[in-house]
Amino acid sequence: MKQRILSILVDNTAGVLSRVSGLFSRRGYNIDSLTVGVTADPNYSRMTVVCSGDDQVLDQIAKQLNKLVDVRDIKVLEPDSSVVRELILIKVRVSKANRQHVTAIADIFRAKVIDVSIDSMVLELTGTKSKLEAFINLLSDGNEILELARTGVSGLSRGSDYVLFL
C-alpha cells in the first residue's frame, strides 16, 4: 500500500469538510491524516489529506475530489518537491532524577519545553513523520508519556507555481 499527500484548495464555505470527508466514507477510502486551515485569501481553505491505497485507488480519490464543486485545485505533494511537516505535543512524567534527561532528549531534537510542573513537562516538536516517531521512541524509553497530541500533516509544494486566485 502506498501513501499519498494531497494539498486541496477548496472554497471556504460551510459544509466543505463534510462533503470531502463524506466522499471518502461513501467509497470506503480511509483518511490517515487531515488538516484544514484558511489560506492568505479568506475565501479559500487548504486541506492536506494523507490517504493510503494502491495506485488505482489513489488516482480514483483524486478524480472523485476533482468532481466536487467546492474543490478548486488538487496537488500531490511529492517528497522531493514539497515541504511537509507535522506538530506534536507530548506530556511526559518527570521527577527530579529524570528531568535533565528529558530536557537533553528535547535539545537533541530541537523540541521546545512549553510547560513544566512538579511532575510533568509538555514538549513541542515540529518535523517530518520519521523525526517525530524517532523522538517518541527515544522519549518513551524509560519515561512515561502521559498524553500525546498530533496535528496531522501540513504541507506546501516548493516554488511559486501554486495559484491561489482562480
N, C-alpha and C. Protein backbone atom coordinates (compact mmCIF):
# COMPACT_ATOMS: atom_id res chain seq x y z
N MET A 1 0.82 -1.18 0.00
CA MET A 1 0.00 0.00 0.00
C MET A 1 0.87 1.24 0.00
N LYS A 2 0.51 2.19 -0.82
CA LYS A 2 1.23 3.45 -0.90
C LYS A 2 0.48 4.52 -0.13
N GLN A 3 1.21 5.55 0.24
CA GLN A 3 0.60 6.69 0.91
C GLN A 3 0.80 7.91 0.02
N ARG A 4 -0.23 8.74 -0.05
CA ARG A 4 -0.14 9.95 -0.88
C ARG A 4 -0.64 11.13 -0.07
N ILE A 5 0.04 12.28 -0.25
CA ILE A 5 -0.36 13.51 0.42
C ILE A 5 -0.95 14.44 -0.62
N LEU A 6 -2.20 14.83 -0.40
CA LEU A 6 -2.91 15.72 -1.32
C LEU A 6 -3.09 17.08 -0.67
N SER A 7 -2.72 18.14 -1.39
CA SER A 7 -2.98 19.51 -0.97
C SER A 7 -4.17 19.98 -1.79
N ILE A 8 -5.29 20.22 -1.13
CA ILE A 8 -6.54 20.53 -1.82
C ILE A 8 -6.97 21.95 -1.49
N LEU A 9 -7.10 22.78 -2.50
CA LEU A 9 -7.60 24.14 -2.32
C LEU A 9 -9.10 24.10 -2.52
N VAL A 10 -9.84 24.55 -1.50
CA VAL A 10 -11.30 24.50 -1.54
C VAL A 10 -11.89 25.86 -1.19
N ASP A 11 -13.15 26.06 -1.58
CA ASP A 11 -13.87 27.25 -1.16
C ASP A 11 -14.05 27.21 0.35
N ASN A 12 -13.91 28.33 1.00
CA ASN A 12 -14.07 28.41 2.44
C ASN A 12 -15.55 28.67 2.76
N THR A 13 -16.36 27.62 2.62
CA THR A 13 -17.80 27.72 2.87
C THR A 13 -18.22 26.61 3.82
N ALA A 14 -19.38 26.81 4.41
CA ALA A 14 -19.91 25.81 5.34
C ALA A 14 -20.18 24.49 4.62
N GLY A 15 -19.80 23.39 5.26
CA GLY A 15 -20.10 22.06 4.73
C GLY A 15 -19.05 21.46 3.82
N VAL A 16 -17.99 22.20 3.50
CA VAL A 16 -16.97 21.68 2.59
C VAL A 16 -16.26 20.47 3.21
N LEU A 17 -15.88 20.56 4.46
CA LEU A 17 -15.21 19.45 5.12
C LEU A 17 -16.11 18.22 5.14
N SER A 18 -17.37 18.43 5.39
CA SER A 18 -18.34 17.32 5.41
C SER A 18 -18.44 16.66 4.03
N ARG A 19 -18.47 17.46 2.98
CA ARG A 19 -18.57 16.90 1.63
C ARG A 19 -17.32 16.13 1.24
N VAL A 20 -16.15 16.66 1.60
CA VAL A 20 -14.90 15.97 1.26
C VAL A 20 -14.78 14.67 2.06
N SER A 21 -15.01 14.74 3.37
CA SER A 21 -14.90 13.53 4.18
C SER A 21 -16.00 12.53 3.83
N GLY A 22 -17.16 13.03 3.43
CA GLY A 22 -18.25 12.15 3.00
C GLY A 22 -17.89 11.38 1.75
N LEU A 23 -17.16 12.00 0.85
CA LEU A 23 -16.71 11.31 -0.36
C LEU A 23 -15.83 10.11 0.02
N PHE A 24 -14.94 10.32 0.97
CA PHE A 24 -14.07 9.22 1.42
C PHE A 24 -14.88 8.11 2.06
N SER A 25 -15.80 8.47 2.95
CA SER A 25 -16.56 7.42 3.66
C SER A 25 -17.51 6.67 2.73
N ARG A 26 -18.16 7.36 1.80
CA ARG A 26 -19.08 6.68 0.88
C ARG A 26 -18.37 5.64 0.02
N ARG A 27 -17.14 5.91 -0.32
CA ARG A 27 -16.41 5.00 -1.20
C ARG A 27 -15.51 4.03 -0.44
N GLY A 28 -15.52 4.13 0.88
CA GLY A 28 -14.74 3.21 1.70
C GLY A 28 -13.26 3.50 1.73
N TYR A 29 -12.88 4.74 1.43
CA TYR A 29 -11.48 5.14 1.49
C TYR A 29 -11.17 5.64 2.90
N ASN A 30 -9.95 5.42 3.35
CA ASN A 30 -9.56 5.85 4.68
C ASN A 30 -8.72 7.12 4.59
N ILE A 31 -8.92 8.02 5.53
CA ILE A 31 -8.10 9.22 5.68
C ILE A 31 -7.12 8.95 6.81
N ASP A 32 -5.83 8.94 6.49
CA ASP A 32 -4.80 8.71 7.51
C ASP A 32 -4.56 9.97 8.34
N SER A 33 -4.65 11.13 7.70
CA SER A 33 -4.43 12.40 8.36
C SER A 33 -5.18 13.48 7.59
N LEU A 34 -5.73 14.45 8.31
CA LEU A 34 -6.47 15.54 7.69
C LEU A 34 -6.23 16.82 8.47
N THR A 35 -5.76 17.85 7.79
CA THR A 35 -5.63 19.16 8.40
C THR A 35 -6.29 20.17 7.47
N VAL A 36 -6.91 21.17 8.07
CA VAL A 36 -7.62 22.18 7.29
C VAL A 36 -7.36 23.55 7.92
N GLY A 37 -7.12 24.53 7.06
CA GLY A 37 -6.95 25.89 7.56
C GLY A 37 -7.19 26.89 6.45
N VAL A 38 -7.58 28.09 6.84
CA VAL A 38 -7.82 29.15 5.88
C VAL A 38 -6.49 29.58 5.27
N THR A 39 -6.52 30.04 4.02
CA THR A 39 -5.30 30.49 3.34
C THR A 39 -5.14 32.00 3.50
N ALA A 40 -4.19 32.58 2.78
CA ALA A 40 -3.99 34.03 2.81
C ALA A 40 -5.23 34.75 2.31
N ASP A 41 -5.97 34.13 1.42
CA ASP A 41 -7.24 34.65 0.94
C ASP A 41 -8.35 33.96 1.73
N PRO A 42 -9.12 34.71 2.54
CA PRO A 42 -10.14 34.08 3.39
C PRO A 42 -11.27 33.39 2.62
N ASN A 43 -11.31 33.54 1.30
CA ASN A 43 -12.32 32.85 0.51
C ASN A 43 -11.97 31.38 0.27
N TYR A 44 -10.72 31.00 0.58
CA TYR A 44 -10.25 29.64 0.32
C TYR A 44 -9.64 29.02 1.57
N SER A 45 -9.76 27.71 1.66
CA SER A 45 -9.08 26.94 2.70
C SER A 45 -8.22 25.89 2.02
N ARG A 46 -7.19 25.46 2.72
CA ARG A 46 -6.35 24.39 2.22
C ARG A 46 -6.54 23.16 3.10
N MET A 47 -6.85 22.04 2.46
CA MET A 47 -6.94 20.76 3.15
C MET A 47 -5.71 19.95 2.76
N THR A 48 -5.05 19.40 3.74
CA THR A 48 -3.97 18.47 3.47
C THR A 48 -4.46 17.10 3.92
N VAL A 49 -4.61 16.21 2.96
CA VAL A 49 -5.16 14.88 3.23
C VAL A 49 -4.09 13.83 2.93
N VAL A 50 -3.84 12.98 3.90
CA VAL A 50 -2.95 11.83 3.69
C VAL A 50 -3.85 10.61 3.58
N CYS A 51 -3.71 9.89 2.46
CA CYS A 51 -4.54 8.71 2.23
C CYS A 51 -3.66 7.57 1.73
N SER A 52 -4.16 6.34 1.89
CA SER A 52 -3.40 5.16 1.52
C SER A 52 -4.21 4.31 0.55
N GLY A 53 -3.49 3.55 -0.27
CA GLY A 53 -4.12 2.62 -1.20
C GLY A 53 -3.16 2.28 -2.32
N ASP A 54 -3.63 1.46 -3.24
CA ASP A 54 -2.79 1.18 -4.41
C ASP A 54 -2.94 2.33 -5.39
N ASP A 55 -2.17 2.30 -6.48
CA ASP A 55 -2.18 3.40 -7.44
C ASP A 55 -3.57 3.68 -7.98
N GLN A 56 -4.33 2.64 -8.25
CA GLN A 56 -5.68 2.81 -8.81
C GLN A 56 -6.60 3.52 -7.82
N VAL A 57 -6.55 3.12 -6.56
CA VAL A 57 -7.39 3.76 -5.53
C VAL A 57 -6.98 5.22 -5.34
N LEU A 58 -5.68 5.47 -5.28
CA LEU A 58 -5.20 6.85 -5.07
C LEU A 58 -5.56 7.75 -6.25
N ASP A 59 -5.48 7.24 -7.45
CA ASP A 59 -5.89 8.02 -8.62
C ASP A 59 -7.38 8.28 -8.60
N GLN A 60 -8.16 7.28 -8.19
CA GLN A 60 -9.62 7.42 -8.12
C GLN A 60 -10.02 8.48 -7.09
N ILE A 61 -9.31 8.52 -5.97
CA ILE A 61 -9.59 9.52 -4.95
C ILE A 61 -9.43 10.92 -5.54
N ALA A 62 -8.34 11.16 -6.23
CA ALA A 62 -8.10 12.48 -6.83
C ALA A 62 -9.17 12.82 -7.85
N LYS A 63 -9.56 11.86 -8.68
CA LYS A 63 -10.60 12.11 -9.69
C LYS A 63 -11.93 12.44 -9.04
N GLN A 64 -12.28 11.72 -7.99
CA GLN A 64 -13.55 11.98 -7.30
C GLN A 64 -13.54 13.34 -6.60
N LEU A 65 -12.41 13.69 -6.00
CA LEU A 65 -12.30 15.01 -5.36
C LEU A 65 -12.44 16.14 -6.37
N ASN A 66 -11.86 15.95 -7.54
CA ASN A 66 -11.95 16.97 -8.59
C ASN A 66 -13.38 17.23 -9.04
N LYS A 67 -14.26 16.28 -8.84
CA LYS A 67 -15.66 16.44 -9.25
C LYS A 67 -16.47 17.29 -8.26
N LEU A 68 -15.96 17.46 -7.04
CA LEU A 68 -16.69 18.25 -6.06
C LEU A 68 -16.66 19.73 -6.44
N VAL A 69 -17.79 20.39 -6.32
CA VAL A 69 -17.95 21.78 -6.72
C VAL A 69 -17.02 22.70 -5.93
N ASP A 70 -16.82 22.41 -4.65
CA ASP A 70 -16.03 23.28 -3.78
C ASP A 70 -14.53 23.15 -4.00
N VAL A 71 -14.08 22.11 -4.67
CA VAL A 71 -12.65 21.88 -4.87
C VAL A 71 -12.15 22.72 -6.03
N ARG A 72 -11.15 23.58 -5.76
CA ARG A 72 -10.60 24.47 -6.78
C ARG A 72 -9.34 23.90 -7.42
N ASP A 73 -8.52 23.19 -6.63
CA ASP A 73 -7.29 22.63 -7.16
C ASP A 73 -6.80 21.53 -6.25
N ILE A 74 -6.13 20.54 -6.84
CA ILE A 74 -5.52 19.45 -6.08
C ILE A 74 -4.08 19.30 -6.55
N LYS A 75 -3.17 19.22 -5.59
CA LYS A 75 -1.78 18.93 -5.89
C LYS A 75 -1.35 17.74 -5.06
N VAL A 76 -0.61 16.83 -5.70
CA VAL A 76 0.02 15.75 -4.96
C VAL A 76 1.35 16.30 -4.46
N LEU A 77 1.56 16.21 -3.15
CA LEU A 77 2.80 16.70 -2.57
C LEU A 77 3.84 15.59 -2.60
N GLU A 78 4.71 15.66 -3.61
CA GLU A 78 5.78 14.67 -3.77
C GLU A 78 6.91 15.00 -2.80
N PRO A 79 7.55 14.00 -2.22
CA PRO A 79 8.60 14.25 -1.23
C PRO A 79 9.75 15.14 -1.71
N ASP A 80 10.14 15.03 -2.97
CA ASP A 80 11.28 15.80 -3.46
C ASP A 80 10.93 17.22 -3.90
N SER A 81 9.64 17.53 -4.02
CA SER A 81 9.26 18.85 -4.49
C SER A 81 8.25 19.55 -3.57
N SER A 82 8.27 19.18 -2.29
CA SER A 82 7.36 19.81 -1.34
C SER A 82 7.98 19.84 0.05
N VAL A 83 7.37 20.64 0.90
CA VAL A 83 7.76 20.74 2.30
C VAL A 83 6.58 20.25 3.12
N VAL A 84 6.81 19.22 3.93
CA VAL A 84 5.74 18.59 4.70
C VAL A 84 6.18 18.51 6.15
N ARG A 85 5.32 18.96 7.06
CA ARG A 85 5.64 18.94 8.49
C ARG A 85 4.40 18.55 9.30
N GLU A 86 4.68 18.15 10.53
CA GLU A 86 3.64 17.82 11.49
C GLU A 86 4.09 18.34 12.84
N LEU A 87 3.15 18.70 13.69
CA LEU A 87 3.45 19.20 15.03
C LEU A 87 2.96 18.17 16.04
N ILE A 88 3.74 17.99 17.09
CA ILE A 88 3.35 17.06 18.16
C ILE A 88 3.54 17.75 19.50
N LEU A 89 2.60 17.52 20.41
CA LEU A 89 2.72 17.94 21.80
C LEU A 89 2.74 16.67 22.65
N ILE A 90 3.71 16.57 23.55
CA ILE A 90 3.85 15.37 24.38
C ILE A 90 4.00 15.80 25.84
N LYS A 91 3.15 15.21 26.68
CA LYS A 91 3.28 15.42 28.12
C LYS A 91 3.97 14.19 28.71
N VAL A 92 5.09 14.42 29.39
CA VAL A 92 5.90 13.34 29.94
C VAL A 92 5.97 13.47 31.46
N ARG A 93 5.82 12.33 32.15
CA ARG A 93 6.00 12.34 33.60
C ARG A 93 7.49 12.52 33.89
N VAL A 94 7.82 13.46 34.78
CA VAL A 94 9.22 13.69 35.16
C VAL A 94 9.34 13.73 36.68
N SER A 95 10.53 13.44 37.12
CA SER A 95 10.90 13.59 38.53
C SER A 95 12.19 14.40 38.56
N LYS A 96 12.66 14.71 39.74
CA LYS A 96 13.93 15.44 39.84
C LYS A 96 15.05 14.64 39.18
N ALA A 97 14.96 13.31 39.28
CA ALA A 97 16.02 12.44 38.76
C ALA A 97 16.08 12.42 37.24
N ASN A 98 14.92 12.48 36.55
CA ASN A 98 14.96 12.33 35.08
C ASN A 98 14.62 13.62 34.31
N ARG A 99 14.37 14.70 35.00
CA ARG A 99 14.03 15.96 34.32
C ARG A 99 15.14 16.40 33.36
N GLN A 100 16.39 16.29 33.81
CA GLN A 100 17.51 16.70 32.96
C GLN A 100 17.64 15.79 31.75
N HIS A 101 17.38 14.49 31.92
CA HIS A 101 17.44 13.52 30.81
C HIS A 101 16.40 13.86 29.74
N VAL A 102 15.18 14.17 30.16
CA VAL A 102 14.10 14.53 29.22
C VAL A 102 14.46 15.83 28.50
N THR A 103 15.00 16.78 29.21
CA THR A 103 15.43 18.05 28.60
C THR A 103 16.54 17.82 27.58
N ALA A 104 17.45 16.91 27.88
CA ALA A 104 18.55 16.61 26.94
C ALA A 104 18.01 15.99 25.65
N ILE A 105 17.04 15.09 25.75
CA ILE A 105 16.42 14.50 24.56
C ILE A 105 15.72 15.59 23.75
N ALA A 106 15.00 16.47 24.44
CA ALA A 106 14.32 17.58 23.76
C ALA A 106 15.34 18.45 23.01
N ASP A 107 16.46 18.74 23.63
CA ASP A 107 17.50 19.56 23.00
C ASP A 107 18.06 18.90 21.74
N ILE A 108 18.28 17.59 21.79
CA ILE A 108 18.81 16.87 20.64
C ILE A 108 17.90 17.03 19.43
N PHE A 109 16.59 16.95 19.65
CA PHE A 109 15.61 17.05 18.56
C PHE A 109 15.15 18.47 18.30
N ARG A 110 15.68 19.43 19.04
CA ARG A 110 15.27 20.83 18.94
C ARG A 110 13.79 21.02 19.29
N ALA A 111 13.33 20.23 20.24
CA ALA A 111 11.97 20.37 20.74
C ALA A 111 11.95 21.51 21.77
N LYS A 112 10.80 22.12 21.92
CA LYS A 112 10.65 23.20 22.89
C LYS A 112 9.95 22.66 24.14
N VAL A 113 10.43 23.07 25.28
CA VAL A 113 9.73 22.79 26.53
C VAL A 113 8.74 23.94 26.70
N ILE A 114 7.45 23.63 26.64
CA ILE A 114 6.45 24.71 26.68
C ILE A 114 5.68 24.78 27.98
N ASP A 115 5.83 23.74 28.83
CA ASP A 115 5.18 23.79 30.14
C ASP A 115 5.93 22.85 31.08
N VAL A 116 6.13 23.30 32.31
CA VAL A 116 6.80 22.49 33.32
C VAL A 116 5.99 22.56 34.60
N SER A 117 5.76 21.40 35.19
CA SER A 117 5.15 21.35 36.51
C SER A 117 6.02 20.45 37.39
N ILE A 118 5.60 20.22 38.61
CA ILE A 118 6.40 19.42 39.54
C ILE A 118 6.63 18.01 39.01
N ASP A 119 5.60 17.42 38.39
CA ASP A 119 5.72 16.02 37.97
C ASP A 119 5.56 15.77 36.47
N SER A 120 5.54 16.83 35.66
CA SER A 120 5.42 16.62 34.21
C SER A 120 6.01 17.77 33.42
N MET A 121 6.26 17.49 32.15
CA MET A 121 6.72 18.51 31.21
C MET A 121 5.93 18.32 29.92
N VAL A 122 5.63 19.43 29.24
CA VAL A 122 5.00 19.36 27.93
C VAL A 122 6.03 19.86 26.91
N LEU A 123 6.25 19.03 25.89
CA LEU A 123 7.23 19.32 24.85
C LEU A 123 6.52 19.51 23.53
N GLU A 124 7.07 20.38 22.70
CA GLU A 124 6.53 20.66 21.36
C GLU A 124 7.62 20.40 20.34
N LEU A 125 7.26 19.66 19.28
CA LEU A 125 8.23 19.37 18.23
C LEU A 125 7.53 19.42 16.88
N THR A 126 8.19 20.04 15.92
CA THR A 126 7.71 20.09 14.55
C THR A 126 8.72 19.39 13.67
N GLY A 127 8.23 18.58 12.73
CA GLY A 127 9.15 17.92 11.81
C GLY A 127 8.44 16.90 10.94
N THR A 128 9.24 16.09 10.30
CA THR A 128 8.69 15.02 9.45
C THR A 128 8.17 13.90 10.34
N LYS A 129 7.38 13.04 9.73
CA LYS A 129 6.81 11.92 10.47
C LYS A 129 7.91 11.05 11.08
N SER A 130 8.97 10.79 10.33
CA SER A 130 10.05 9.94 10.83
C SER A 130 10.78 10.61 12.01
N LYS A 131 10.95 11.92 11.96
CA LYS A 131 11.59 12.62 13.08
C LYS A 131 10.73 12.53 14.33
N LEU A 132 9.42 12.71 14.16
CA LEU A 132 8.51 12.64 15.31
C LEU A 132 8.48 11.24 15.90
N GLU A 133 8.47 10.23 15.04
CA GLU A 133 8.47 8.84 15.51
C GLU A 133 9.74 8.53 16.29
N ALA A 134 10.89 8.98 15.78
CA ALA A 134 12.16 8.76 16.48
C ALA A 134 12.15 9.44 17.84
N PHE A 135 11.60 10.65 17.90
CA PHE A 135 11.51 11.39 19.16
C PHE A 135 10.64 10.64 20.16
N ILE A 136 9.48 10.18 19.72
CA ILE A 136 8.58 9.44 20.61
C ILE A 136 9.25 8.17 21.11
N ASN A 137 9.90 7.43 20.21
CA ASN A 137 10.57 6.18 20.61
C ASN A 137 11.66 6.42 21.64
N LEU A 138 12.48 7.43 21.42
CA LEU A 138 13.56 7.73 22.36
C LEU A 138 13.01 8.23 23.69
N LEU A 139 12.01 9.07 23.62
CA LEU A 139 11.43 9.64 24.83
C LEU A 139 10.69 8.59 25.66
N SER A 140 10.04 7.64 24.99
CA SER A 140 9.25 6.64 25.72
C SER A 140 10.12 5.55 26.34
N ASP A 141 11.39 5.49 25.96
CA ASP A 141 12.30 4.52 26.55
C ASP A 141 12.73 5.00 27.94
N GLY A 142 12.07 4.50 28.95
CA GLY A 142 12.40 4.88 30.33
C GLY A 142 11.59 6.04 30.87
N ASN A 143 10.72 6.62 30.06
CA ASN A 143 9.87 7.73 30.51
C ASN A 143 8.42 7.39 30.22
N GLU A 144 7.53 7.85 31.08
CA GLU A 144 6.11 7.61 30.88
C GLU A 144 5.49 8.79 30.12
N ILE A 145 4.94 8.49 28.94
CA ILE A 145 4.23 9.52 28.18
C ILE A 145 2.80 9.55 28.69
N LEU A 146 2.41 10.69 29.26
CA LEU A 146 1.08 10.84 29.85
C LEU A 146 0.03 11.16 28.79
N GLU A 147 0.37 12.06 27.89
CA GLU A 147 -0.55 12.46 26.82
C GLU A 147 0.26 12.79 25.58
N LEU A 148 -0.41 12.63 24.42
CA LEU A 148 0.24 12.92 23.16
C LEU A 148 -0.82 13.44 22.19
N ALA A 149 -0.52 14.53 21.52
CA ALA A 149 -1.43 15.08 20.52
C ALA A 149 -0.63 15.43 19.26
N ARG A 150 -1.15 15.00 18.11
CA ARG A 150 -0.50 15.29 16.83
C ARG A 150 -1.47 16.10 15.97
N THR A 151 -0.91 17.04 15.21
CA THR A 151 -1.76 17.89 14.39
C THR A 151 -2.17 17.23 13.08
N GLY A 152 -1.39 16.29 12.61
CA GLY A 152 -1.59 15.78 11.26
C GLY A 152 -0.68 16.55 10.33
N VAL A 153 -0.49 16.02 9.15
CA VAL A 153 0.45 16.57 8.19
C VAL A 153 -0.08 17.86 7.55
N SER A 154 0.80 18.83 7.41
CA SER A 154 0.53 20.03 6.62
C SER A 154 1.69 20.17 5.65
N GLY A 155 1.40 20.68 4.46
CA GLY A 155 2.47 20.81 3.50
C GLY A 155 2.16 21.77 2.38
N LEU A 156 3.22 22.18 1.70
CA LEU A 156 3.12 23.05 0.53
C LEU A 156 4.12 22.57 -0.50
N SER A 157 3.80 22.78 -1.77
CA SER A 157 4.76 22.47 -2.82
C SER A 157 5.83 23.55 -2.82
N ARG A 158 7.02 23.17 -3.26
CA ARG A 158 8.13 24.13 -3.32
C ARG A 158 7.95 25.04 -4.53
N GLY A 159 8.51 26.23 -4.46
CA GLY A 159 8.46 27.16 -5.58
C GLY A 159 7.20 28.00 -5.58
N SER A 160 7.01 28.75 -6.65
CA SER A 160 5.90 29.69 -6.72
C SER A 160 4.85 29.27 -7.74
N ASP A 161 4.71 27.97 -7.99
CA ASP A 161 3.80 27.51 -9.04
C ASP A 161 2.37 27.31 -8.57
N TYR A 162 2.07 27.49 -7.28
CA TYR A 162 0.72 27.27 -6.79
C TYR A 162 -0.10 28.55 -6.96
N VAL A 163 -1.18 28.48 -7.69
CA VAL A 163 -2.01 29.66 -7.92
C VAL A 163 -3.16 29.66 -6.92
N LEU A 164 -3.25 30.69 -6.12
CA LEU A 164 -4.31 30.80 -5.13
C LEU A 164 -5.56 31.43 -5.71
N PHE A 165 -5.40 32.42 -6.54
CA PHE A 165 -6.55 33.14 -7.08
C PHE A 165 -6.89 32.57 -8.44
N LEU A 166 -8.09 32.04 -8.55
CA LEU A 166 -8.50 31.36 -9.78
C LEU A 166 -9.37 32.24 -10.65
